[in-house]
Amino acid sequence: MYSKNYRYKSGEEKNNDNENNSTGSDITYTNKEKEYDKNESHEKRDMSKRGFDIEKLSFQIIEDEIKQMYYQSSNFNDDEHHYVAGYNELEWSIVRRVIHATADFDFAFKNKIQFQKDAIRSVFEAFANKCNIVTDVDMVLSAISKTSLKKIGLNAVCHISDGDLAIRAKETNMTRAELAMRKSLEEINGGIVCIGNAPTALLEVVKMVREGIARPKLVIGVPVGFVSAPESKVELTRTDIPYITNTGRKGGSPVASSIINALMLLYQNM
């Protein structure tokens, strides 16, 4: 297994480093890595420099390890290793954040993140229109960057904990996730759906699209689980709605929130 030692250096240690190594780590970032995030800074992100440097170091580790994995599995140009698994530069920057949030490289391999061809363009249009973001569970909502929401002027909502849904779920034998999607119809139209937990929520959105009543600008559909999770993702890919999803059982709230957070950062850096 490929490994390399990385360590965040203290301020005192960094003072003794070469002036060209301004990352706060014992490695120098590659030119390609800088291109991904050339418009980012800790001030722009409202982060401490230490926190920002640690994040950047994490990204460098991901870049180095994914490069090594692909050296072992296929032949590709060393200068273009960031275009792994068929991703373009923008797509890879999103997948990289998913790996950063989960420490799971399967999201570039076995459980690969998939992008519908118009997904990024469509979500940027939604951002420009100050859209709503609808999540399936409170965990996804909580993990969405409030700083990015404020800067872009977006509204994020989740109805799954609304008191009336528990009663209606018992009466209708539907899940609260399904009912929450129905209740969010007005916010879904022209907005973004971000699902990381409930396959039934994703299947309900697909059903609403097929009924002709829902037209989201993007569906992020990465529910986790053993019952209907892979199947719900397949059904999403059979719609004409822009989507970001992945294959298999893996997914979850950290995956969904990291995707929407990455998209918002990309939009701010355009």
Protein backbone atom coordinates (compact mmCIF):
# COMPACT_ATOMS: atom_id res chain seq x y z
CA MET A 1 0.00 0.00 0.00
CA TYR A 2 1.36 3.38 -1.00
CA SER A 3 2.04 5.72 1.89
CA LYS A 4 3.94 8.91 2.56
CA ASN A 5 4.56 10.76 5.79
CA TYR A 6 2.85 14.15 6.11
CA ARG A 7 2.80 16.43 9.09
CA TYR A 8 1.41 19.89 9.78
CA LYS A 9 4.25 22.10 11.00
CA SER A 10 4.00 24.61 13.80
CA GLY A 11 4.69 28.31 13.29
CA GLU A 12 8.15 27.97 14.78
CA GLU A 13 9.03 25.07 12.51
CA LYS A 14 7.71 26.88 9.46
CA ASN A 15 10.00 29.85 10.18
CA ASN A 16 12.92 27.51 9.62
CA ASP A 17 11.57 26.22 6.29
CA ASN A 18 12.52 27.35 2.84
CA GLU A 19 10.61 30.52 1.92
CA ASN A 20 9.21 28.83 -1.18
CA ASN A 21 7.30 26.32 0.95
CA SER A 22 4.46 28.55 2.16
CA THR A 23 1.95 25.76 2.76
CA GLY A 24 2.67 25.18 6.43
CA SER A 25 3.54 21.55 5.68
CA ASP A 26 6.62 19.53 4.82
CA ILE A 27 5.58 19.23 1.18
CA THR A 28 5.21 21.67 -1.70
CA TYR A 29 1.94 21.67 -3.58
CA THR A 30 1.97 20.71 -7.24
CA ASN A 31 1.19 23.30 -9.89
CA LYS A 32 -1.96 21.41 -10.86
CA GLU A 33 -3.22 21.45 -7.28
CA LYS A 34 -2.75 25.21 -7.16
CA GLU A 35 -4.75 25.60 -10.36
CA TYR A 36 -7.80 23.96 -8.77
CA ASP A 37 -7.93 26.45 -5.93
CA LYS A 38 -6.03 29.45 -7.23
CA ASN A 39 -8.81 31.86 -6.22
CA GLU A 40 -9.13 30.52 -2.68
CA SER A 41 -7.55 31.93 0.45
CA HIS A 42 -8.15 31.54 4.15
CA GLU A 43 -9.49 35.09 4.26
CA LYS A 44 -11.98 34.43 1.48
CA ARG A 45 -13.10 31.21 3.17
CA ASP A 46 -13.38 32.87 6.58
CA MET A 47 -10.96 30.29 7.98
CA SER A 48 -7.86 30.53 10.09
CA LYS A 49 -4.68 30.15 8.09
CA ARG A 50 -3.83 27.04 10.12
CA GLY A 51 -7.19 25.42 9.31
CA PHE A 52 -6.85 26.37 5.65
CA ASP A 53 -3.31 24.95 5.46
CA ILE A 54 -4.43 21.68 7.05
CA GLU A 55 -7.20 21.35 4.46
CA LYS A 56 -4.73 22.01 1.66
CA LEU A 57 -2.35 19.43 3.07
CA SER A 58 -5.20 16.91 3.11
CA PHE A 59 -5.89 17.66 -0.55
CA GLN A 60 -2.23 17.14 -1.42
CA ILE A 61 -2.28 13.74 0.28
CA ILE A 62 -5.36 12.81 -1.75
CA GLU A 63 -3.70 13.99 -4.97
CA ASP A 64 -0.56 11.98 -4.25
CA GLU A 65 -2.37 8.80 -3.23
CA ILE A 66 -4.87 8.85 -6.10
CA LYS A 67 -1.95 9.33 -8.47
CA GLN A 68 -0.22 6.27 -7.03
CA MET A 69 -3.41 4.20 -7.21
CA TYR A 70 -3.78 4.95 -10.89
CA TYR A 71 -0.15 4.20 -11.57
CA GLN A 72 -0.84 0.74 -10.17
CA SER A 73 -4.04 0.20 -12.16
CA SER A 74 -3.52 1.93 -15.52
CA ASN A 75 -1.26 4.02 -17.71
CA PHE A 76 -1.76 7.76 -17.82
CA ASN A 77 0.22 10.96 -18.20
CA ASP A 78 1.89 12.04 -14.95
CA ASP A 79 1.04 15.69 -15.71
CA GLU A 80 -2.66 14.87 -16.00
CA HIS A 81 -3.22 12.58 -13.03
CA HIS A 82 -5.91 14.93 -11.67
CA TYR A 83 -8.12 13.93 -14.60
CA VAL A 84 -8.53 10.52 -13.01
CA ALA A 85 -11.32 8.11 -13.83
CA GLY A 86 -12.61 10.25 -16.67
CA TYR A 87 -13.29 13.35 -14.56
CA ASN A 88 -12.64 16.82 -15.87
CA GLU A 89 -10.97 19.37 -13.62
CA LEU A 90 -14.16 20.76 -12.07
CA GLU A 91 -15.62 17.30 -11.47
CA TRP A 92 -12.40 16.07 -9.86
CA SER A 93 -12.34 19.02 -7.46
CA ILE A 94 -15.78 17.89 -6.24
CA VAL A 95 -14.83 14.21 -5.99
CA ARG A 96 -11.70 15.22 -4.10
CA ARG A 97 -13.84 16.96 -1.47
CA VAL A 98 -15.97 13.83 -1.12
CA ILE A 99 -12.82 11.80 -0.50
CA HIS A 100 -11.65 14.46 1.95
CA ALA A 101 -14.95 14.24 3.87
CA THR A 102 -15.02 10.44 3.99
CA ALA A 103 -11.38 9.30 3.70
CA ASP A 104 -12.77 6.82 1.17
CA PHE A 105 -11.15 6.54 -2.25
CA ASP A 106 -13.91 4.20 -3.43
CA PHE A 107 -15.83 7.30 -4.52
CA ALA A 108 -13.33 7.54 -7.41
CA PHE A 109 -13.36 3.81 -8.07
CA LYS A 110 -15.87 1.12 -7.03
CA ASN A 111 -18.51 3.58 -5.80
CA LYS A 112 -17.64 6.21 -8.37
CA ILE A 113 -19.29 9.64 -8.33
CA GLN A 114 -21.19 10.21 -11.59
CA PHE A 115 -21.99 13.56 -13.20
CA GLN A 116 -24.77 14.12 -15.70
CA LYS A 117 -23.29 16.24 -18.51
CA ASP A 118 -25.21 19.43 -17.63
CA ALA A 119 -24.99 19.10 -13.84
CA ILE A 120 -22.44 21.81 -13.04
CA ARG A 121 -23.77 24.31 -15.58
CA SER A 122 -27.31 23.80 -14.30
CA VAL A 123 -26.40 24.22 -10.64
CA PHE A 124 -24.50 27.43 -11.40
CA GLU A 125 -27.63 28.79 -13.10
CA ALA A 126 -29.63 27.87 -10.00
CA PHE A 127 -27.13 29.64 -7.76
CA ALA A 128 -27.34 32.75 -9.92
CA ASN A 129 -31.13 32.71 -9.45
CA LYS A 130 -30.77 32.49 -5.63
CA CYS A 131 -32.37 29.07 -5.48
CA ASN A 132 -33.54 26.89 -2.61
CA ILE A 133 -31.64 23.80 -1.49
CA VAL A 134 -33.86 20.99 -0.20
CA THR A 135 -32.26 18.24 1.89
CA ASP A 136 -33.68 14.88 2.92
CA VAL A 137 -32.47 14.92 6.52
CA ASP A 138 -31.35 17.43 9.12
CA MET A 139 -27.81 16.03 9.12
CA VAL A 140 -27.28 17.12 5.53
CA LEU A 141 -28.80 20.52 6.25
CA SER A 142 -26.55 21.02 9.27
CA ALA A 143 -23.42 20.23 7.27
CA ILE A 144 -24.08 22.72 4.47
CA SER A 145 -21.77 25.74 4.75
CA LYS A 146 -23.71 28.66 6.21
CA THR A 147 -20.96 31.01 5.03
CA SER A 148 -21.40 29.93 1.41
CA LEU A 149 -25.19 30.08 1.65
CA LYS A 150 -24.98 33.66 2.89
CA LYS A 151 -22.41 34.76 0.32
CA ILE A 152 -24.40 33.39 -2.62
CA GLY A 153 -27.80 34.29 -1.16
CA LEU A 154 -29.31 30.81 -1.00
CA ASN A 155 -31.88 29.24 1.29
CA ALA A 156 -31.57 25.67 2.58
CA VAL A 157 -34.53 23.78 4.04
CA CYS A 158 -35.46 20.37 5.40
CA HIS A 159 -38.99 19.35 6.35
CA ILE A 160 -38.40 15.85 7.68
CA SER A 161 -38.71 16.94 11.31
CA ASP A 162 -41.94 18.88 10.77
CA GLY A 163 -44.44 17.68 13.35
CA ASP A 164 -47.24 16.97 10.91
CA LEU A 165 -45.18 14.49 8.90
CA ALA A 166 -44.94 11.89 11.67
CA ILE A 167 -48.74 11.80 11.90
CA ARG A 168 -49.21 11.68 8.13
CA ALA A 169 -46.60 8.95 7.78
CA LYS A 170 -48.62 6.66 10.05
CA GLU A 171 -51.87 7.52 8.28
CA THR A 172 -50.52 7.00 4.75
CA ASN A 173 -47.92 4.27 5.40
CA MET A 174 -45.37 6.49 3.64
CA THR A 175 -41.98 7.39 5.04
CA ARG A 176 -41.38 10.85 6.45
CA ALA A 177 -38.67 11.28 3.81
CA GLU A 178 -41.20 10.72 1.02
CA LEU A 179 -43.68 13.11 2.56
CA ALA A 180 -40.97 15.72 3.14
CA MET A 181 -40.12 15.71 -0.57
CA ARG A 182 -43.80 16.20 -1.45
CA LYS A 183 -44.04 19.04 1.05
CA SER A 184 -40.94 20.64 -0.51
CA LEU A 185 -42.35 20.72 -4.04
CA GLU A 186 -42.43 24.50 -4.35
CA GLU A 187 -38.83 24.77 -3.15
CA ILE A 188 -37.70 21.88 -5.36
CA ASN A 189 -38.89 23.50 -8.57
CA GLY A 190 -35.98 25.52 -9.91
CA GLY A 191 -33.93 24.49 -6.89
CA ILE A 192 -31.46 21.85 -5.79
CA VAL A 193 -32.33 18.58 -4.08
CA CYS A 194 -29.56 17.19 -1.86
CA ILE A 195 -30.18 13.64 -0.64
CA GLY A 196 -27.61 11.73 1.41
CA ASN A 197 -29.56 9.44 3.67
CA ALA A 198 -32.98 8.26 2.48
CA PRO A 199 -33.40 6.22 -0.72
CA THR A 200 -37.16 6.67 -0.39
CA ALA A 201 -36.67 10.43 -0.66
CA LEU A 202 -34.73 10.02 -3.90
CA LEU A 203 -37.28 7.62 -5.35
CA GLU A 204 -40.05 10.08 -4.47
CA VAL A 205 -38.27 12.92 -6.25
CA VAL A 206 -37.83 10.69 -9.30
CA LYS A 207 -41.55 9.88 -9.14
CA MET A 208 -42.45 13.58 -8.92
CA VAL A 209 -40.25 14.32 -11.94
CA ARG A 210 -41.94 11.58 -13.93
CA GLU A 211 -45.35 12.91 -12.90
CA GLY A 212 -44.32 16.21 -14.46
CA ILE A 213 -44.77 18.24 -11.27
CA ALA A 214 -41.12 18.63 -10.20
CA ARG A 215 -38.29 20.25 -12.21
CA PRO A 216 -35.23 20.73 -10.00
CA LYS A 217 -32.13 22.28 -11.52
CA LEU A 218 -30.01 19.57 -9.93
CA VAL A 219 -30.51 16.44 -7.86
CA ILE A 220 -27.62 15.30 -5.71
CA GLY A 221 -28.65 11.73 -5.02
CA VAL A 222 -26.20 9.80 -2.87
CA PRO A 223 -28.31 7.95 -0.28
CA VAL A 224 -26.58 5.27 1.77
CA GLY A 225 -28.04 1.91 2.67
CA PHE A 226 -28.89 -1.69 1.88
CA VAL A 227 -32.52 -1.31 0.81
CA SER A 228 -33.13 0.58 -2.46
CA ALA A 229 -30.05 2.80 -2.24
CA PRO A 230 -28.31 1.49 -5.40
CA GLU A 231 -31.64 1.13 -7.19
CA SER A 232 -32.73 4.69 -6.42
CA LYS A 233 -29.51 6.02 -7.94
CA VAL A 234 -30.07 4.01 -11.11
CA GLU A 235 -33.59 5.41 -11.39
CA LEU A 236 -32.22 8.94 -11.03
CA THR A 237 -29.87 8.39 -13.97
CA ARG A 238 -32.85 7.39 -16.11
CA THR A 239 -34.48 10.80 -15.77
CA ASP A 240 -33.75 13.90 -17.86
CA ILE A 241 -32.87 15.94 -14.77
CA PRO A 242 -29.26 17.08 -14.19
CA TYR A 243 -27.82 14.93 -11.40
CA ILE A 244 -24.78 13.99 -9.39
CA THR A 245 -24.90 10.48 -7.94
CA ASN A 246 -22.70 7.46 -7.33
CA THR A 247 -22.82 3.73 -7.81
CA GLY A 248 -23.56 1.20 -5.10
CA ARG A 249 -24.61 1.26 -1.47
CA LYS A 250 -22.17 3.88 -0.22
CA GLY A 251 -23.15 7.50 0.20
CA GLY A 252 -24.39 9.40 3.22
CA SER A 253 -24.84 12.84 4.68
CA PRO A 254 -21.12 13.73 4.56
CA VAL A 255 -21.04 12.84 0.86
CA ALA A 256 -24.13 14.89 -0.02
CA SER A 257 -23.06 17.92 1.99
CA SER A 258 -19.50 17.83 0.68
CA ILE A 259 -20.82 17.83 -2.90
CA ILE A 260 -23.06 20.87 -2.41
CA ASN A 261 -20.36 22.67 -0.42
CA ALA A 262 -17.83 21.99 -3.19
CA LEU A 263 -20.24 23.30 -5.81
CA MET A 264 -20.81 26.50 -3.86
CA LEU A 265 -17.06 27.06 -3.49
CA LEU A 266 -16.53 26.48 -7.19
CA TYR A 267 -19.24 29.01 -8.00
CA GLN A 268 -17.70 31.62 -5.72
CA ASN A 269 -14.28 31.10 -7.32
CA MET A 270 -15.45 31.35 -10.93
